[in-house]
PDB file of N, CA and C in Angstrom:
ATOM      1  N   MET A   1      57.483  17.819 -13.936  1.00  0.00           N
ATOM      2  CA  MET A   1      57.410  17.240 -12.602  1.00  0.00           C
ATOM      3  C   MET A   1      58.451  17.915 -11.715  1.00  0.00           C
ATOM      4  N   GLY A   2      58.083  18.242 -10.511  1.00  0.00           N
ATOM      5  CA  GLY A   2      58.985  18.930  -9.609  1.00  0.00           C
ATOM      6  C   GLY A   2      59.843  17.989  -8.786  1.00  0.00           C
ATOM      7  N   VAL A   3      61.055  18.414  -8.546  1.00  0.00           N
ATOM      8  CA  VAL A   3      61.977  17.695  -7.673  1.00  0.00           C
ATOM      9  C   VAL A   3      62.077  18.531  -6.406  1.00  0.00           C
ATOM     10  N   TRP A   4      61.678  17.954  -5.282  1.00  0.00           N
ATOM     11  CA  TRP A   4      61.612  18.690  -4.028  1.00  0.00           C
ATOM     12  C   TRP A   4      62.787  18.360  -3.113  1.00  0.00           C
ATOM     13  N   GLY A   5      63.457  19.392  -2.634  1.00  0.00           N
ATOM     14  CA  GLY A   5      64.525  19.229  -1.658  1.00  0.00           C
ATOM     15  C   GLY A   5      65.908  19.173  -2.283  1.00  0.00           C
ATOM     16  N   CYS A   6      66.856  19.705  -1.548  1.00  0.00           N
ATOM     17  CA  CYS A   6      68.237  19.780  -2.016  1.00  0.00           C
ATOM     18  C   CYS A   6      68.824  18.391  -2.284  1.00  0.00           C
ATOM     19  N   THR A   7      68.546  17.438  -1.416  1.00  0.00           N
ATOM     20  CA  THR A   7      69.098  16.094  -1.581  1.00  0.00           C
ATOM     21  C   THR A   7      68.585  15.435  -2.855  1.00  0.00           C
ATOM     22  N   ALA A   8      67.293  15.571  -3.121  1.00  0.00           N
ATOM     23  CA  ALA A   8      66.714  14.987  -4.339  1.00  0.00           C
ATOM     24  C   ALA A   8      67.276  15.667  -5.582  1.00  0.00           C
ATOM     25  N   ILE A   9      67.424  16.984  -5.519  1.00  0.00           N
ATOM     26  CA  ILE A   9      67.993  17.725  -6.649  1.00  0.00           C
ATOM     27  C   ILE A   9      69.431  17.277  -6.887  1.00  0.00           C
ATOM     28  N   SER A  10      70.184  17.080  -5.806  1.00  0.00           N
ATOM     29  CA  SER A  10      71.584  16.660  -5.951  1.00  0.00           C
ATOM     30  C   SER A  10      71.693  15.302  -6.645  1.00  0.00           C
ATOM     31  N   LYS A  11      70.739  14.415  -6.414  1.00  0.00           N
ATOM     32  CA  LYS A  11      70.756  13.105  -7.078  1.00  0.00           C
ATOM     33  C   LYS A  11      70.490  13.246  -8.571  1.00  0.00           C
ATOM     34  N   VAL A  12      69.587  14.161  -8.939  1.00  0.00           N
ATOM     35  CA  VAL A  12      69.263  14.363 -10.358  1.00  0.00           C
ATOM     36  C   VAL A  12      70.477  14.898 -11.112  1.00  0.00           C
ATOM     37  N   ILE A  13      71.196  15.853 -10.492  1.00  0.00           N
ATOM     38  CA  ILE A  13      72.324  16.479 -11.189  1.00  0.00           C
ATOM     39  C   ILE A  13      73.659  15.796 -10.884  1.00  0.00           C
ATOM     40  N   LYS A  14      73.601  14.742 -10.079  1.00  0.00           N
ATOM     41  CA  LYS A  14      74.787  13.943  -9.747  1.00  0.00           C
ATOM     42  C   LYS A  14      75.904  14.785  -9.123  1.00  0.00           C
ATOM     43  N   ARG A  15      75.498  15.548  -8.099  1.00  0.00           N
ATOM     44  CA  ARG A  15      76.442  16.349  -7.325  1.00  0.00           C
ATOM     45  C   ARG A  15      76.230  16.040  -5.844  1.00  0.00           C
ATOM     46  N   LYS A  16      77.189  16.391  -5.012  1.00  0.00           N
ATOM     47  CA  LYS A  16      77.039  16.222  -3.572  1.00  0.00           C
ATOM     48  C   LYS A  16      76.013  17.235  -3.062  1.00  0.00           C
ATOM     49  N   PRO A  17      75.263  16.876  -2.007  1.00  0.00           N
ATOM     50  CA  PRO A  17      74.249  17.793  -1.486  1.00  0.00           C
ATOM     51  C   PRO A  17      74.796  19.174  -1.119  1.00  0.00           C
ATOM     52  N   ARG A  18      75.977  19.235  -0.542  1.00  0.00           N
ATOM     53  CA  ARG A  18      76.537  20.535  -0.146  1.00  0.00           C
ATOM     54  C   ARG A  18      76.832  21.393  -1.379  1.00  0.00           C
ATOM     55  N   GLN A  19      77.393  20.783  -2.405  1.00  0.00           N
ATOM     56  CA  GLN A  19      77.676  21.507  -3.642  1.00  0.00           C
ATOM     57  C   GLN A  19      76.370  21.982  -4.277  1.00  0.00           C
ATOM     58  N   THR A  20      75.364  21.121  -4.265  1.00  0.00           N
ATOM     59  CA  THR A  20      74.055  21.481  -4.815  1.00  0.00           C
ATOM     60  C   THR A  20      73.457  22.644  -4.043  1.00  0.00           C
ATOM     61  N   PHE A  21      73.549  22.605  -2.713  1.00  0.00           N
ATOM     62  CA  PHE A  21      73.023  23.693  -1.886  1.00  0.00           C
ATOM     63  C   PHE A  21      73.685  25.015  -2.262  1.00  0.00           C
ATOM     64  N   ASN A  22      74.992  24.998  -2.442  1.00  0.00           N
ATOM     65  CA  ASN A  22      75.698  26.226  -2.823  1.00  0.00           C
ATOM     66  C   ASN A  22      75.235  26.729  -4.189  1.00  0.00           C
ATOM     67  N   LEU A  23      75.042  25.829  -5.141  1.00  0.00           N
ATOM     68  CA  LEU A  23      74.546  26.215  -6.463  1.00  0.00           C
ATOM     69  C   LEU A  23      73.146  26.824  -6.356  1.00  0.00           C
ATOM     70  N   LEU A  24      72.309  26.234  -5.517  1.00  0.00           N
ATOM     71  CA  LEU A  24      70.953  26.754  -5.318  1.00  0.00           C
ATOM     72  C   LEU A  24      70.986  28.141  -4.683  1.00  0.00           C
ATOM     73  N   GLU A  25      71.752  28.284  -3.621  1.00  0.00           N
ATOM     74  CA  GLU A  25      71.830  29.567  -2.906  1.00  0.00           C
ATOM     75  C   GLU A  25      72.393  30.682  -3.782  1.00  0.00           C
ATOM     76  N   ASN A  26      73.297  30.342  -4.690  1.00  0.00           N
ATOM     77  CA  ASN A  26      73.908  31.342  -5.570  1.00  0.00           C
ATOM     78  C   ASN A  26      73.084  31.607  -6.829  1.00  0.00           C
ATOM     79  N   GLY A  27      71.948  30.931  -6.958  1.00  0.00           N
ATOM     80  CA  GLY A  27      71.078  31.147  -8.105  1.00  0.00           C
ATOM     81  C   GLY A  27      71.594  30.542  -9.400  1.00  0.00           C
ATOM     82  N   GLU A  28      72.469  29.547  -9.293  1.00  0.00           N
ATOM     83  CA  GLU A  28      73.061  28.932 -10.482  1.00  0.00           C
ATOM     84  C   GLU A  28      72.238  27.768 -11.032  1.00  0.00           C
ATOM     85  N   LEU A  29      71.188  27.383 -10.313  1.00  0.00           N
ATOM     86  CA  LEU A  29      70.288  26.331 -10.784  1.00  0.00           C
ATOM     87  C   LEU A  29      68.884  26.908 -10.932  1.00  0.00           C
ATOM     88  N   PRO A  30      68.117  26.416 -11.918  1.00  0.00           N
ATOM     89  CA  PRO A  30      66.753  26.911 -12.117  1.00  0.00           C
ATOM     90  C   PRO A  30      65.801  26.314 -11.073  1.00  0.00           C
ATOM     91  N   ALA A  31      65.773  26.924  -9.893  1.00  0.00           N
ATOM     92  CA  ALA A  31      64.950  26.418  -8.797  1.00  0.00           C
ATOM     93  C   ALA A  31      64.429  27.582  -7.961  1.00  0.00           C
ATOM     94  N   LYS A  32      63.393  27.301  -7.181  1.00  0.00           N
ATOM     95  CA  LYS A  32      62.803  28.299  -6.283  1.00  0.00           C
ATOM     96  C   LYS A  32      62.643  27.680  -4.909  1.00  0.00           C
ATOM     97  N   LYS A  33      62.578  28.545  -3.913  1.00  0.00           N
ATOM     98  CA  LYS A  33      62.328  28.079  -2.566  1.00  0.00           C
ATOM     99  C   LYS A  33      60.833  28.223  -2.284  1.00  0.00           C
ATOM    100  N   VAL A  34      60.202  27.124  -1.908  1.00  0.00           N
ATOM    101  CA  VAL A  34      58.772  27.113  -1.614  1.00  0.00           C
ATOM    102  C   VAL A  34      58.586  26.523  -0.219  1.00  0.00           C
ATOM    103  N   GLY A  35      58.054  27.321   0.682  1.00  0.00           N
ATOM    104  CA  GLY A  35      57.827  26.827   2.037  1.00  0.00           C
ATOM    105  C   GLY A  35      59.091  26.351   2.721  1.00  0.00           C
ATOM    106  N   GLY A  36      60.210  26.989   2.422  1.00  0.00           N
ATOM    107  CA  GLY A  36      61.475  26.622   3.044  1.00  0.00           C
ATOM    108  C   GLY A  36      62.208  25.471   2.369  1.00  0.00           C
ATOM    109  N   ARG A  37      61.631  24.914   1.303  1.00  0.00           N
ATOM    110  CA  ARG A  37      62.280  23.809   0.575  1.00  0.00           C
ATOM    111  C   ARG A  37      62.530  24.222  -0.860  1.00  0.00           C
ATOM    112  N   TRP A  38      63.608  23.711  -1.409  1.00  0.00           N
ATOM    113  CA  TRP A  38      63.924  23.980  -2.809  1.00  0.00           C
ATOM    114  C   TRP A  38      63.091  23.081  -3.704  1.00  0.00           C
ATOM    115  N   VAL A  39      62.627  23.634  -4.818  1.00  0.00           N
ATOM    116  CA  VAL A  39      61.902  22.845  -5.818  1.00  0.00           C
ATOM    117  C   VAL A  39      62.411  23.243  -7.197  1.00  0.00           C
ATOM    118  N   ALA A  40      62.623  22.236  -8.035  1.00  0.00           N
ATOM    119  CA  ALA A  40      63.140  22.482  -9.380  1.00  0.00           C
ATOM    120  C   ALA A  40      62.438  21.553 -10.363  1.00  0.00           C
ATOM    121  N   SER A  41      62.401  21.969 -11.597  1.00  0.00           N
ATOM    122  CA  SER A  41      61.843  21.144 -12.671  1.00  0.00           C
ATOM    123  C   SER A  41      62.898  20.126 -13.103  1.00  0.00           C
ATOM    124  N   ARG A  42      62.535  18.858 -13.082  1.00  0.00           N
ATOM    125  CA  ARG A  42      63.466  17.805 -13.501  1.00  0.00           C
ATOM    126  C   ARG A  42      63.914  18.037 -14.946  1.00  0.00           C
ATOM    127  N   ALA A  43      62.973  18.416 -15.808  1.00  0.00           N
ATOM    128  CA  ALA A  43      63.292  18.637 -17.226  1.00  0.00           C
ATOM    129  C   ALA A  43      64.304  19.767 -17.390  1.00  0.00           C
ATOM    130  N   LYS A  44      64.137  20.858 -16.637  1.00  0.00           N
ATOM    131  CA  LYS A  44      65.075  21.985 -16.745  1.00  0.00           C
ATOM    132  C   LYS A  44      66.456  21.602 -16.231  1.00  0.00           C
ATOM    133  N   LEU A  45      66.504  20.841 -15.148  1.00  0.00           N
ATOM    134  CA  LEU A  45      67.802  20.401 -14.616  1.00  0.00           C
ATOM    135  C   LEU A  45      68.514  19.497 -15.616  1.00  0.00           C
ATOM    136  N   GLU A  46      67.770  18.540 -16.172  1.00  0.00           N
ATOM    137  CA  GLU A  46      68.376  17.619 -17.138  1.00  0.00           C
ATOM    138  C   GLU A  46      68.842  18.360 -18.383  1.00  0.00           C
ATOM    139  N   LYS A  47      68.055  19.313 -18.844  1.00  0.00           N
ATOM    140  CA  LYS A  47      68.436  20.092 -20.022  1.00  0.00           C
ATOM    141  C   LYS A  47      69.699  20.907 -19.738  1.00  0.00           C
ATOM    142  N   LEU A  48      69.760  21.539 -18.580  1.00  0.00           N
ATOM    143  CA  LEU A  48      70.919  22.348 -18.203  1.00  0.00           C
ATOM    144  C   LEU A  48      72.191  21.504 -18.183  1.00  0.00           C
ATOM    145  N   PHE A  49      72.122  20.322 -17.620  1.00  0.00           N
ATOM    146  CA  PHE A  49      73.320  19.505 -17.498  1.00  0.00           C
ATOM    147  C   PHE A  49      73.661  18.759 -18.777  1.00  0.00           C
ATOM    148  N   GLN A  50      72.709  18.546 -19.676  1.00  0.00           N
ATOM    149  CA  GLN A  50      73.024  17.992 -20.997  1.00  0.00           C
ATOM    150  C   GLN A  50      73.821  19.007 -21.792  1.00  0.00           C
ATOM    151  N   ILE A  51      73.450  20.274 -21.691  1.00  0.00           N
ATOM    152  CA  ILE A  51      74.153  21.342 -22.400  1.00  0.00           C
ATOM    153  C   ILE A  51      75.583  21.449 -21.882  1.00  0.00           C
ATOM    154  N   GLU A  52      75.771  21.366 -20.559  1.00  0.00           N
ATOM    155  CA  GLU A  52      77.111  21.469 -19.983  1.00  0.00           C
ATOM    156  C   GLU A  52      77.996  20.317 -20.441  1.00  0.00           C
ATOM    157  N   VAL A  53      77.458  19.119 -20.521  1.00  0.00           N
ATOM    158  CA  VAL A  53      78.232  17.953 -20.938  1.00  0.00           C
ATOM    159  C   VAL A  53      78.627  18.088 -22.403  1.00  0.00           C
ATOM    160  N   ALA A  54      77.725  18.611 -23.224  1.00  0.00           N
ATOM    161  CA  ALA A  54      77.983  18.752 -24.653  1.00  0.00           C
ATOM    162  C   ALA A  54      78.991  19.858 -24.960  1.00  0.00           C
ATOM    163  N   ALA A  55      79.120  20.832 -24.078  1.00  0.00           N
ATOM    164  CA  ALA A  55      79.994  21.989 -24.334  1.00  0.00           C
ATOM    165  C   ALA A  55      81.456  21.678 -24.178  1.00  0.00           C
TER     166      ALA A  55
END
């Protein structure tokens, strides 16, 4: 399932929208820009942040 928009993505990864935007722009999150909006897979985001917490 896709998560659309920087604000929605920031809620999933529990970061501030500005920090999330910077992560997106720098290519540090598994997301793409579609029609001017960011879209990311909820499963990929959750997996990425589970790994970071475990490390």
